[in-house]
Amino acid sequence: MAKYYVTVGDSMTQATTTFAAVQTQPDGGTLTSVKVPPGMTKISEIATLINHDVISVIDTGNNFTLQLSGTGLKDGIQEIPVGALMASEVGTSTTGNFAVAPALYRKVDIALKPGEITLSAAYDGTDPGTPFLGVTLGFD
């Protein structure tokens, strides 16, 4: 279990295959980067959650990638697949959709040094509307 956690999210409105900053704090504030906490030497856990933020576009499927960059990464830029999102029409009309999924927790070993980390994310495939991505970094 990590010793220190930072959570950010993003309503992804960018075009497909375009990395954009993930920088909305849980309280709605903006965080431009995550400072490596004092004494922490690695990211040991990453949790992600992907869902629709507003109405979804039907018949889409997307893969999401998280990119970590910045002066706090000992080994440079890291890209991690963080999940997928799909929406399909069932029957002759769609009146709404509902999806619930728990966050995906993944053990990682990303070496750190004093500095900052910038989180960006992208998705591929057909534009799914406005997906939401939540990310929690666990530091040790």
C-alpha atoms as a PDB file:
ATOM      1  CA  MET A   1       0.000   0.000   0.000  1.00  0.00           C
ATOM      2  CA  ALA A   2       1.359   3.412  -0.958  1.00  0.00           C
ATOM      3  CA  LYS A   3       2.204   6.048   1.643  1.00  0.00           C
ATOM      4  CA  TYR A   4       0.968   9.149  -0.196  1.00  0.00           C
ATOM      5  CA  TYR A   5      -1.788   9.606  -2.800  1.00  0.00           C
ATOM      6  CA  VAL A   6      -2.676  12.375  -5.277  1.00  0.00           C
ATOM      7  CA  THR A   7      -5.896  12.279  -7.333  1.00  0.00           C
ATOM      8  CA  VAL A   8      -6.723  14.290 -10.464  1.00  0.00           C
ATOM      9  CA  GLY A   9      -9.279  13.955 -13.247  1.00  0.00           C
ATOM     10  CA  ASP A  10     -10.282  15.331 -16.619  1.00  0.00           C
ATOM     11  CA  SER A  11     -13.353  15.657 -18.795  1.00  0.00           C
ATOM     12  CA  MET A  12     -11.654  14.785 -22.057  1.00  0.00           C
ATOM     13  CA  THR A  13     -12.818  17.128 -24.813  1.00  0.00           C
ATOM     14  CA  GLN A  14      -9.752  16.886 -27.051  1.00  0.00           C
ATOM     15  CA  ALA A  15      -9.655  15.157 -30.433  1.00  0.00           C
ATOM     16  CA  THR A  16      -8.706  11.492 -30.627  1.00  0.00           C
ATOM     17  CA  THR A  17      -4.998  10.580 -30.422  1.00  0.00           C
ATOM     18  CA  THR A  18      -4.196  13.941 -28.790  1.00  0.00           C
ATOM     19  CA  PHE A  19      -2.646  14.102 -25.329  1.00  0.00           C
ATOM     20  CA  ALA A  20      -4.189  16.747 -23.039  1.00  0.00           C
ATOM     21  CA  ALA A  21      -3.502  17.645 -19.418  1.00  0.00           C
ATOM     22  CA  VAL A  22      -5.273  15.752 -16.640  1.00  0.00           C
ATOM     23  CA  GLN A  23      -5.370  18.463 -14.005  1.00  0.00           C
ATOM     24  CA  THR A  24      -8.722  18.883 -12.285  1.00  0.00           C
ATOM     25  CA  GLN A  25      -8.527  18.265  -8.544  1.00  0.00           C
ATOM     26  CA  PRO A  26     -11.399  16.533  -6.725  1.00  0.00           C
ATOM     27  CA  ASP A  27     -12.483  19.941  -5.355  1.00  0.00           C
ATOM     28  CA  GLY A  28     -12.671  21.396  -8.883  1.00  0.00           C
ATOM     29  CA  GLY A  29      -9.409  23.344  -8.641  1.00  0.00           C
ATOM     30  CA  THR A  30      -6.700  23.165 -11.272  1.00  0.00           C
ATOM     31  CA  LEU A  31      -3.377  21.464 -10.649  1.00  0.00           C
ATOM     32  CA  THR A  32      -0.748  22.083 -13.319  1.00  0.00           C
ATOM     33  CA  SER A  33       1.639  19.413 -12.054  1.00  0.00           C
ATOM     34  CA  VAL A  34       2.161  17.049  -9.140  1.00  0.00           C
ATOM     35  CA  LYS A  35       5.207  17.733  -6.997  1.00  0.00           C
ATOM     36  CA  VAL A  36       7.075  14.591  -5.968  1.00  0.00           C
ATOM     37  CA  PRO A  37       6.424  14.389  -2.213  1.00  0.00           C
ATOM     38  CA  PRO A  38       9.561  14.681  -0.031  1.00  0.00           C
ATOM     39  CA  GLY A  39      11.208  11.314   0.565  1.00  0.00           C
ATOM     40  CA  MET A  40       9.191   9.468  -2.093  1.00  0.00           C
ATOM     41  CA  THR A  41      11.302   7.472  -4.570  1.00  0.00           C
ATOM     42  CA  LYS A  42       8.703   5.783  -6.766  1.00  0.00           C
ATOM     43  CA  ILE A  43       5.117   5.607  -7.906  1.00  0.00           C
ATOM     44  CA  SER A  44       4.055   2.164  -6.706  1.00  0.00           C
ATOM     45  CA  GLU A  45       0.377   2.237  -7.649  1.00  0.00           C
ATOM     46  CA  ILE A  46      -1.836   3.910 -10.232  1.00  0.00           C
ATOM     47  CA  ALA A  47      -5.625   3.811 -10.000  1.00  0.00           C
ATOM     48  CA  THR A  48      -7.776   4.862 -12.958  1.00  0.00           C
ATOM     49  CA  LEU A  49     -11.470   5.210 -13.631  1.00  0.00           C
ATOM     50  CA  ILE A  50     -13.014   5.913 -17.044  1.00  0.00           C
ATOM     51  CA  ASN A  51     -16.658   6.750 -17.612  1.00  0.00           C
ATOM     52  CA  HIS A  52     -18.916   8.963 -19.713  1.00  0.00           C
ATOM     53  CA  ASP A  53     -19.114  12.551 -18.451  1.00  0.00           C
ATOM     54  CA  VAL A  54     -22.000  13.661 -20.668  1.00  0.00           C
ATOM     55  CA  ILE A  55     -24.092  11.829 -23.239  1.00  0.00           C
ATOM     56  CA  SER A  56     -22.017   9.272 -25.069  1.00  0.00           C
ATOM     57  CA  VAL A  57     -21.720   8.760 -28.798  1.00  0.00           C
ATOM     58  CA  ILE A  58     -23.088   5.330 -29.728  1.00  0.00           C
ATOM     59  CA  ASP A  59     -21.138   2.575 -31.423  1.00  0.00           C
ATOM     60  CA  THR A  60     -17.713   3.657 -30.232  1.00  0.00           C
ATOM     61  CA  GLY A  61     -14.838   1.899 -28.542  1.00  0.00           C
ATOM     62  CA  ASN A  62     -11.742   3.558 -27.213  1.00  0.00           C
ATOM     63  CA  ASN A  63      -8.445   2.720 -25.553  1.00  0.00           C
ATOM     64  CA  PHE A  64      -7.012   5.241 -23.097  1.00  0.00           C
ATOM     65  CA  THR A  65      -3.341   5.986 -22.411  1.00  0.00           C
ATOM     66  CA  LEU A  66      -1.906   7.945 -19.478  1.00  0.00           C
ATOM     67  CA  GLN A  67       1.358   9.797 -20.071  1.00  0.00           C
ATOM     68  CA  LEU A  68       3.592  10.865 -17.184  1.00  0.00           C
ATOM     69  CA  SER A  69       6.306  13.421 -17.936  1.00  0.00           C
ATOM     70  CA  GLY A  70       8.349  16.039 -16.115  1.00  0.00           C
ATOM     71  CA  THR A  71      11.462  16.610 -14.078  1.00  0.00           C
ATOM     72  CA  GLY A  72      10.347  14.217 -11.303  1.00  0.00           C
ATOM     73  CA  LEU A  73      10.643  11.089 -13.458  1.00  0.00           C
ATOM     74  CA  LYS A  74      14.031   9.428 -13.138  1.00  0.00           C
ATOM     75  CA  ASP A  75      13.699   7.456 -16.394  1.00  0.00           C
ATOM     76  CA  GLY A  76      11.847  10.008 -18.553  1.00  0.00           C
ATOM     77  CA  ILE A  77       8.373   9.911 -20.081  1.00  0.00           C
ATOM     78  CA  GLN A  78       6.200   6.915 -19.184  1.00  0.00           C
ATOM     79  CA  GLU A  79       3.049   5.832 -21.066  1.00  0.00           C
ATOM     80  CA  ILE A  80       0.612   3.394 -19.494  1.00  0.00           C
ATOM     81  CA  PRO A  81      -2.588   1.911 -20.957  1.00  0.00           C
ATOM     82  CA  VAL A  82      -5.309   2.653 -18.405  1.00  0.00           C
ATOM     83  CA  GLY A  83      -8.501   1.152 -19.799  1.00  0.00           C
ATOM     84  CA  ALA A  84     -11.186   1.211 -22.437  1.00  0.00           C
ATOM     85  CA  LEU A  85     -14.660   2.641 -22.899  1.00  0.00           C
ATOM     86  CA  MET A  86     -17.408   1.426 -25.196  1.00  0.00           C
ATOM     87  CA  ALA A  87     -20.930   2.505 -26.054  1.00  0.00           C
ATOM     88  CA  SER A  88     -23.276   0.678 -28.392  1.00  0.00           C
ATOM     89  CA  GLU A  89     -26.882   1.085 -29.429  1.00  0.00           C
ATOM     90  CA  VAL A  90     -29.226  -1.716 -28.447  1.00  0.00           C
ATOM     91  CA  GLY A  91     -32.513  -1.948 -30.303  1.00  0.00           C
ATOM     92  CA  THR A  92     -33.807   0.912 -32.390  1.00  0.00           C
ATOM     93  CA  SER A  93     -33.220   3.847 -30.047  1.00  0.00           C
ATOM     94  CA  THR A  94     -31.111   4.977 -27.165  1.00  0.00           C
ATOM     95  CA  THR A  95     -32.798   6.907 -24.385  1.00  0.00           C
ATOM     96  CA  GLY A  96     -29.910   6.891 -21.938  1.00  0.00           C
ATOM     97  CA  ASN A  97     -27.002   4.920 -20.686  1.00  0.00           C
ATOM     98  CA  PHE A  98     -25.610   4.028 -17.325  1.00  0.00           C
ATOM     99  CA  ALA A  99     -22.274   2.529 -16.488  1.00  0.00           C
ATOM    100  CA  VAL A 100     -20.684   1.833 -13.153  1.00  0.00           C
ATOM    101  CA  ALA A 101     -17.230   0.396 -12.760  1.00  0.00           C
ATOM    102  CA  PRO A 102     -14.804   0.402  -9.864  1.00  0.00           C
ATOM    103  CA  ALA A 103     -11.415   2.028 -10.258  1.00  0.00           C
ATOM    104  CA  LEU A 104      -8.688  -0.185 -11.688  1.00  0.00           C
ATOM    105  CA  TYR A 105      -5.693  -0.399  -9.343  1.00  0.00           C
ATOM    106  CA  ARG A 106      -2.392  -1.379 -10.884  1.00  0.00           C
ATOM    107  CA  LYS A 107       0.974  -1.976  -9.249  1.00  0.00           C
ATOM    108  CA  VAL A 108       3.793  -0.105 -10.986  1.00  0.00           C
ATOM    109  CA  ASP A 109       7.414   0.735 -10.260  1.00  0.00           C
ATOM    110  CA  ILE A 110       8.133   4.164 -11.729  1.00  0.00           C
ATOM    111  CA  ALA A 111      11.356   5.652 -10.332  1.00  0.00           C
ATOM    112  CA  LEU A 112      11.229   9.251  -9.122  1.00  0.00           C
ATOM    113  CA  LYS A 113      13.578  12.061  -8.210  1.00  0.00           C
ATOM    114  CA  PRO A 114      12.812  15.484  -6.726  1.00  0.00           C
ATOM    115  CA  GLY A 115      10.779  17.486  -9.221  1.00  0.00           C
ATOM    116  CA  GLU A 116       7.340  17.603 -10.792  1.00  0.00           C
ATOM    117  CA  ILE A 117       5.149  15.207 -12.750  1.00  0.00           C
ATOM    118  CA  THR A 118       2.719  16.276 -15.440  1.00  0.00           C
ATOM    119  CA  LEU A 119      -0.186  13.943 -16.254  1.00  0.00           C
ATOM    120  CA  SER A 120      -1.667  13.850 -19.746  1.00  0.00           C
ATOM    121  CA  ALA A 121      -4.081  11.413 -21.355  1.00  0.00           C
ATOM    122  CA  ALA A 122      -5.254  10.485 -24.830  1.00  0.00           C
ATOM    123  CA  TYR A 123      -7.666   8.021 -26.400  1.00  0.00           C
ATOM    124  CA  ASP A 124      -7.859   6.421 -29.810  1.00  0.00           C
ATOM    125  CA  GLY A 125     -10.750   5.278 -31.981  1.00  0.00           C
ATOM    126  CA  THR A 126     -13.920   7.182 -32.824  1.00  0.00           C
ATOM    127  CA  ASP A 127     -14.715  10.293 -30.772  1.00  0.00           C
ATOM    128  CA  PRO A 128     -16.854   8.951 -27.879  1.00  0.00           C
ATOM    129  CA  GLY A 129     -18.302  12.306 -26.794  1.00  0.00           C
ATOM    130  CA  THR A 130     -16.793  13.526 -23.526  1.00  0.00           C
ATOM    131  CA  PRO A 131     -15.263  10.719 -21.488  1.00  0.00           C
ATOM    132  CA  PHE A 132     -14.070  11.339 -17.934  1.00  0.00           C
ATOM    133  CA  LEU A 133     -10.776   9.973 -16.641  1.00  0.00           C
ATOM    134  CA  GLY A 134      -9.859   9.910 -12.959  1.00  0.00           C
ATOM    135  CA  VAL A 135      -6.280   9.078 -11.909  1.00  0.00           C
ATOM    136  CA  THR A 136      -4.759   8.456  -8.494  1.00  0.00           C
ATOM    137  CA  LEU A 137      -1.001   8.158  -8.094  1.00  0.00           C
ATOM    138  CA  GLY A 138       0.289   6.213  -5.085  1.00  0.00           C
ATOM    139  CA  PHE A 139       3.783   7.184  -3.923  1.00  0.00           C
ATOM    140  CA  ASP A 140       6.338   5.273  -1.838  1.00  0.00           C
END
